[in-house]
Protein backbone atom coordinates (compact mmCIF):
# COMPACT_ATOMS: atom_id res chain seq x y z
CA UNK A 1 -16.39 -76.83 18.57
CA UNK A 2 -16.61 -80.12 15.60
CA UNK A 3 -16.24 -77.32 12.32
CA UNK A 4 -13.32 -76.40 15.01
CA UNK A 5 -11.73 -78.99 15.08
CA UNK A 6 -11.90 -79.65 11.54
CA UNK A 7 -10.74 -76.57 10.51
CA UNK A 8 -7.34 -77.47 13.20
CA UNK A 9 -7.50 -80.86 11.06
CA UNK A 10 -7.00 -78.87 7.44
CA UNK A 11 -4.53 -76.16 8.34
CA UNK A 12 -2.05 -79.14 9.96
CA UNK A 13 -3.24 -80.72 6.03
CA UNK A 14 -1.66 -77.66 4.51
CA UNK A 15 1.38 -76.27 6.25
CA UNK A 16 2.55 -80.86 6.82
CA UNK A 17 1.70 -80.36 2.36
CA UNK A 18 3.65 -77.64 2.46
CA UNK A 19 7.09 -79.69 3.96
CA UNK A 20 5.88 -82.76 1.67
CA UNK A 21 6.62 -80.38 -1.60
CA UNK A 22 9.63 -77.77 0.17
CA UNK A 23 11.12 -79.41 3.34
CA UNK A 24 10.81 -83.44 2.53
CA UNK A 25 12.32 -83.68 -0.52
CA UNK A 26 15.92 -82.55 0.69
CA UNK A 27 16.20 -85.67 3.14
CA UNK A 28 13.49 -88.36 1.22
CA UNK A 29 13.41 -91.01 -0.80
CA UNK A 30 10.79 -91.77 -3.76
CA UNK A 31 9.32 -93.08 -1.83
CA UNK A 32 8.74 -91.64 1.37
CA UNK A 33 7.90 -88.64 -0.58
CA UNK A 34 4.47 -91.43 -2.45
CA UNK A 35 4.09 -91.78 1.84
CA UNK A 36 4.27 -88.56 2.53
CA UNK A 37 1.91 -87.00 -0.61
CA UNK A 38 -0.50 -89.88 -0.31
CA UNK A 39 -0.82 -89.27 3.50
CA UNK A 40 -2.45 -85.35 3.18
CA UNK A 41 -3.71 -86.59 0.05
CA UNK A 42 -5.53 -88.78 2.20
CA UNK A 43 -6.03 -86.33 4.98
CA UNK A 44 -6.66 -83.58 3.18
CA UNK A 45 -10.47 -85.72 1.96
CA UNK A 46 -11.22 -86.91 5.69
CA UNK A 47 -10.26 -83.82 6.75
CA UNK A 48 -12.69 -81.89 4.35
CA UNK A 49 -15.34 -84.50 5.18
CA UNK A 50 -15.18 -83.49 8.98
CA UNK A 51 -16.16 -79.57 8.16
CA UNK A 52 -19.14 -81.54 6.03
CA UNK A 53 -19.49 -83.19 9.65
CA UNK A 54 -18.91 -79.51 11.28
CA UNK A 55 -21.42 -78.01 9.68
CA UNK A 56 -24.51 -80.69 9.46
CA UNK A 57 -24.33 -80.93 13.09
CA UNK A 58 -25.17 -76.90 12.80
CA UNK A 59 -27.56 -77.48 10.25
CA UNK A 60 -29.16 -80.66 11.38
CA UNK A 61 -29.05 -80.63 15.43
CA UNK A 62 -31.07 -83.72 16.03
CA UNK A 63 -28.46 -85.82 13.42
CA UNK A 64 -25.70 -87.23 15.94
CA UNK A 65 -22.14 -86.98 14.03
CA UNK A 66 -20.81 -87.11 17.32
CA UNK A 67 -19.02 -91.22 15.95
CA UNK A 68 -18.97 -90.65 12.36
CA UNK A 69 -16.47 -87.65 13.44
CA UNK A 70 -14.68 -89.19 16.34
CA UNK A 71 -14.36 -93.16 13.68
CA UNK A 72 -12.59 -91.07 10.99
CA UNK A 73 -10.89 -88.54 13.16
CA UNK A 74 -8.84 -92.11 14.92
CA UNK A 75 -8.14 -93.32 11.30
CA UNK A 76 -6.74 -90.23 10.23
CA UNK A 77 -4.56 -89.88 13.32
CA UNK A 78 -3.94 -92.97 12.70
CA UNK A 79 -3.32 -93.50 8.52
CA UNK A 80 -1.68 -90.44 8.11
CA UNK A 81 0.46 -90.41 10.88
CA UNK A 82 1.63 -93.72 10.59
CA UNK A 83 3.07 -93.07 7.00
CA UNK A 84 4.14 -89.44 7.85
CA UNK A 85 6.93 -91.36 10.33
CA UNK A 86 7.80 -93.95 7.80
CA UNK A 87 8.77 -90.78 4.98
CA UNK A 88 10.59 -89.61 7.82
CA UNK A 89 13.33 -92.49 8.15
CA UNK A 90 11.30 -93.95 10.92
CA UNK A 91 10.44 -98.60 10.90
CA UNK A 92 8.67 -99.35 8.27
CA UNK A 93 6.76 -101.84 10.55
CA UNK A 94 4.94 -98.66 11.72
CA UNK A 95 3.41 -99.15 8.27
CA UNK A 96 1.61 -102.15 10.19
CA UNK A 97 -0.62 -99.58 11.94
CA UNK A 98 -1.60 -97.54 8.54
CA UNK A 99 -4.62 -100.16 7.46
CA UNK A 100 -5.64 -99.83 11.26
CA UNK A 101 -6.38 -96.26 11.07
CA UNK A 102 -7.72 -96.74 7.27
CA UNK A 103 -10.74 -99.09 8.95
CA UNK A 104 -11.14 -97.19 11.46
CA UNK A 105 -12.27 -94.33 8.57
CA UNK A 106 -13.87 -96.97 7.10
CA UNK A 107 -16.18 -97.29 10.22
CA UNK A 108 -16.47 -93.61 9.91
CA UNK A 109 -17.92 -92.88 7.14
CA UNK A 110 -20.19 -96.73 7.45
CA UNK A 111 -21.70 -95.07 10.79
CA UNK A 112 -22.53 -92.00 8.84
CA UNK A 113 -23.98 -94.03 6.17
CA UNK A 114 -26.06 -96.30 9.30
CA UNK A 115 -27.29 -92.78 11.05
CA UNK A 116 -28.67 -91.26 7.65
CA UNK A 117 -30.38 -94.49 7.33
CA UNK A 118 -31.77 -94.25 11.04
CA UNK A 119 -33.46 -91.13 9.45
CA UNK A 120 -35.22 -92.19 7.18
């Protein structure tokens, strides 16, 4: 399940990246394109992280990845979607959601660190 969710994230990141590279340029200004690029970059990095967590779950079944995975996934949705939405011309006030998403990403990685330290 974890690897499947990560793979869906990666597929969506590719699709959104392709749209940003080919379709967005016709409707967005430079700032909006920068937001889109940042969202896609963070999406890819964190989706790859989720993939690694999924692999860890297979290799180390006693190592709990559920909380880190969920926190990072929530972070991806909040952080990236807020930037994508603003890139499409929605109000900049939605940018207030972006740091909340970043906070969830950080919490996810810290939860992973916590799990790792608990194991040793």
